[in-house]
Amino acid sequence: MKNLEFRELYEGDYNFFKDIIRVSNDWQQEECSENELENYLLTYQMFNGQWRLWYKNNNRIGISYHIEWSPSNERPWIGTILIHPDQRLRGFGQNIIKEIGYELKSKGHKACYVGCSINQDGWLRFLGNCGFEQFKLEKDVTTSKEYMISVMPLL
């Protein structure tokens, strides 16, 4: 993954994040609109995860979020991989997942989890191509939405 780097997401990056959201209808449907971003990010503060801005040769590529310890199963989870439309279909999303996986493995973790709405076939295919295996279905009792929980061994 030559030249792909990351840093912590800062408030100054929110316009870039909003640009991606604006053209990502699936993201808006499942997560939030660009106008809701700041409140959306606040809901994740208690999890002690990391929002990252990914870039290559000083060009911003995308945004990710992961946590090393989830309250649901005490395991690491990747919650977001969102690539700017101009950078999609170039392998950046897969490389970001690989990098996060390498980092988690170096810290002694054996697997990483994701949860994805069962309505997002494209996202589920992407995760399968990245090495995630479907584990189980879960239903959110508040929203009645169903999610596919998938796991990826960290080899």
Protein backbone atom coordinates (compact mmCIF):
# COMPACT_ATOMS: atom_id res chain seq x y z
CA MET A 1 0.00 0.00 0.00
CA LYS A 2 2.68 2.39 -1.05
CA ASN A 3 2.11 6.07 -0.28
CA LEU A 4 -1.29 5.59 1.35
CA GLU A 5 -1.20 7.38 4.67
CA PHE A 6 -3.66 8.43 7.35
CA ARG A 7 -4.08 10.88 10.14
CA GLU A 8 -6.77 11.55 12.71
CA LEU A 9 -9.85 13.28 11.33
CA TYR A 10 -10.11 16.91 12.44
CA GLU A 11 -12.90 19.46 12.26
CA GLY A 12 -11.10 21.07 9.32
CA ASP A 13 -11.74 17.83 7.38
CA TYR A 14 -15.51 17.95 7.83
CA ASN A 15 -16.10 19.71 4.50
CA PHE A 16 -14.30 16.87 2.69
CA PHE A 17 -16.38 14.34 4.64
CA LYS A 18 -19.56 16.27 3.74
CA ASP A 19 -18.53 16.30 0.07
CA ILE A 20 -18.38 12.51 0.10
CA ILE A 21 -21.69 12.21 1.96
CA ARG A 22 -23.39 14.58 -0.48
CA VAL A 23 -22.80 12.18 -3.39
CA SER A 24 -23.26 8.95 -1.41
CA ASN A 25 -26.99 8.23 -1.35
CA ASP A 26 -26.50 4.85 0.35
CA TRP A 27 -24.53 6.50 3.16
CA GLN A 28 -27.22 9.13 3.63
CA GLN A 29 -29.89 6.43 3.76
CA GLU A 30 -28.05 4.34 6.36
CA GLU A 31 -26.06 6.84 8.40
CA CYS A 32 -26.65 10.59 8.08
CA SER A 33 -26.95 13.53 5.74
CA GLU A 34 -24.18 16.07 5.35
CA ASN A 35 -26.10 18.49 7.60
CA GLU A 36 -26.19 15.92 10.41
CA LEU A 37 -22.48 15.05 10.34
CA GLU A 38 -21.37 16.86 13.51
CA ASN A 39 -24.15 15.29 15.60
CA TYR A 40 -23.47 11.90 14.01
CA LEU A 41 -19.79 12.11 15.00
CA LEU A 42 -20.76 13.04 18.56
CA THR A 43 -22.67 9.77 18.92
CA TYR A 44 -19.40 7.87 18.42
CA GLN A 45 -17.31 9.72 21.00
CA MET A 46 -18.15 7.34 23.84
CA PHE A 47 -16.71 4.35 21.96
CA ASN A 48 -13.14 5.64 21.97
CA GLY A 49 -12.64 4.72 18.32
CA GLN A 50 -10.65 6.50 15.68
CA TRP A 51 -11.91 8.48 12.71
CA ARG A 52 -9.17 8.69 10.09
CA LEU A 53 -8.58 10.70 6.96
CA TRP A 54 -6.71 8.67 4.34
CA TYR A 55 -4.60 10.29 1.64
CA LYS A 56 -2.05 9.52 -1.03
CA ASN A 57 0.49 12.05 -2.35
CA ASN A 58 -1.36 14.76 -0.39
CA ASN A 59 -4.65 13.89 -2.17
CA ARG A 60 -7.48 13.01 0.18
CA ILE A 61 -8.86 9.54 -0.56
CA GLY A 62 -11.44 8.73 2.09
CA ILE A 63 -12.58 8.38 5.68
CA SER A 64 -12.58 5.39 8.02
CA TYR A 65 -13.70 4.61 11.54
CA HIS A 66 -12.77 1.66 13.69
CA ILE A 67 -12.74 0.69 17.33
CA GLU A 68 -10.40 -1.70 19.04
CA TRP A 69 -12.87 -2.76 21.70
CA SER A 70 -16.62 -2.88 21.08
CA PRO A 71 -19.03 -3.04 24.00
CA SER A 72 -21.11 -5.62 22.09
CA ASN A 73 -18.47 -8.37 21.96
CA GLU A 74 -15.22 -6.84 23.26
CA ARG A 75 -13.64 -7.19 19.81
CA PRO A 76 -12.44 -4.73 17.15
CA TRP A 77 -14.93 -3.42 14.59
CA ILE A 78 -14.63 -1.36 11.44
CA GLY A 79 -17.61 0.96 11.27
CA THR A 80 -16.93 3.09 8.22
CA ILE A 81 -14.99 2.96 4.98
CA LEU A 82 -16.06 5.84 2.76
CA ILE A 83 -14.06 6.66 -0.37
CA HIS A 84 -14.37 9.87 -2.36
CA PRO A 85 -16.16 9.14 -5.68
CA ASP A 86 -13.15 10.32 -7.71
CA GLN A 87 -11.02 7.67 -5.97
CA ARG A 88 -13.37 4.69 -6.02
CA LEU A 89 -12.67 1.37 -7.78
CA ARG A 90 -8.91 1.77 -7.35
CA GLY A 91 -8.47 -0.62 -4.43
CA PHE A 92 -8.18 2.09 -1.76
CA GLY A 93 -11.05 0.73 0.35
CA GLN A 94 -9.52 -2.75 0.38
CA ASN A 95 -6.12 -1.31 1.23
CA ILE A 96 -7.54 0.70 4.12
CA ILE A 97 -9.14 -2.45 5.53
CA LYS A 98 -5.84 -4.32 5.13
CA GLU A 99 -3.95 -1.55 6.94
CA ILE A 100 -6.41 -1.48 9.82
CA GLY A 101 -6.23 -5.29 9.94
CA TYR A 102 -2.40 -5.26 10.10
CA GLU A 103 -2.52 -2.73 12.90
CA LEU A 104 -5.08 -4.72 14.89
CA LYS A 105 -3.15 -7.96 14.38
CA SER A 106 0.06 -6.30 15.61
CA LYS A 107 -1.85 -5.50 18.82
CA GLY A 108 -2.74 -9.17 19.30
CA HIS A 109 -6.25 -9.28 17.83
CA LYS A 110 -7.28 -12.40 15.91
CA ALA A 111 -10.35 -11.07 14.05
CA CYS A 112 -12.22 -7.92 13.11
CA TYR A 113 -15.99 -7.44 12.78
CA VAL A 114 -18.34 -5.30 10.71
CA GLY A 115 -22.08 -4.80 10.69
CA CYS A 116 -23.86 -3.87 7.47
CA SER A 117 -27.49 -3.29 6.61
CA ILE A 118 -28.79 -6.29 4.68
CA ASN A 119 -30.27 -3.79 2.20
CA GLN A 120 -26.79 -2.74 1.05
CA ASP A 121 -25.84 -5.49 -1.41
CA GLY A 122 -22.93 -3.50 -2.82
CA TRP A 123 -21.44 -2.94 0.60
CA LEU A 124 -21.85 -6.61 1.48
CA ARG A 125 -20.13 -7.68 -1.76
CA PHE A 126 -17.29 -5.23 -1.08
CA LEU A 127 -16.81 -6.62 2.43
CA GLY A 128 -16.83 -10.19 1.07
CA ASN A 129 -14.16 -9.23 -1.47
CA CYS A 130 -12.08 -7.85 1.41
CA GLY A 131 -12.14 -11.17 3.27
CA PHE A 132 -15.10 -10.73 5.59
CA GLU A 133 -17.22 -13.83 6.11
CA GLN A 134 -20.89 -13.61 7.00
CA PHE A 135 -21.39 -14.59 10.62
CA LYS A 136 -25.00 -13.89 11.62
CA LEU A 137 -28.03 -11.65 11.19
CA GLU A 138 -29.04 -9.20 13.90
CA LYS A 139 -32.11 -7.03 14.18
CA ASP A 140 -32.01 -3.60 15.79
CA VAL A 141 -34.88 -3.65 18.30
CA THR A 142 -35.33 0.13 18.08
CA THR A 143 -35.44 0.51 14.29
CA SER A 144 -36.31 -3.07 13.23
CA LYS A 145 -33.48 -2.86 10.66
CA GLU A 146 -31.60 -6.07 9.96
CA TYR A 147 -27.81 -6.19 9.82
CA MET A 148 -25.38 -8.79 8.55
CA ILE A 149 -22.57 -9.25 11.05
CA SER A 150 -19.39 -10.39 9.32
CA VAL A 151 -15.98 -11.32 10.63
CA MET A 152 -12.54 -11.27 9.04
CA PRO A 153 -9.70 -13.37 10.45
CA LEU A 154 -6.53 -11.33 10.88
CA LEU A 155 -3.93 -13.52 9.23
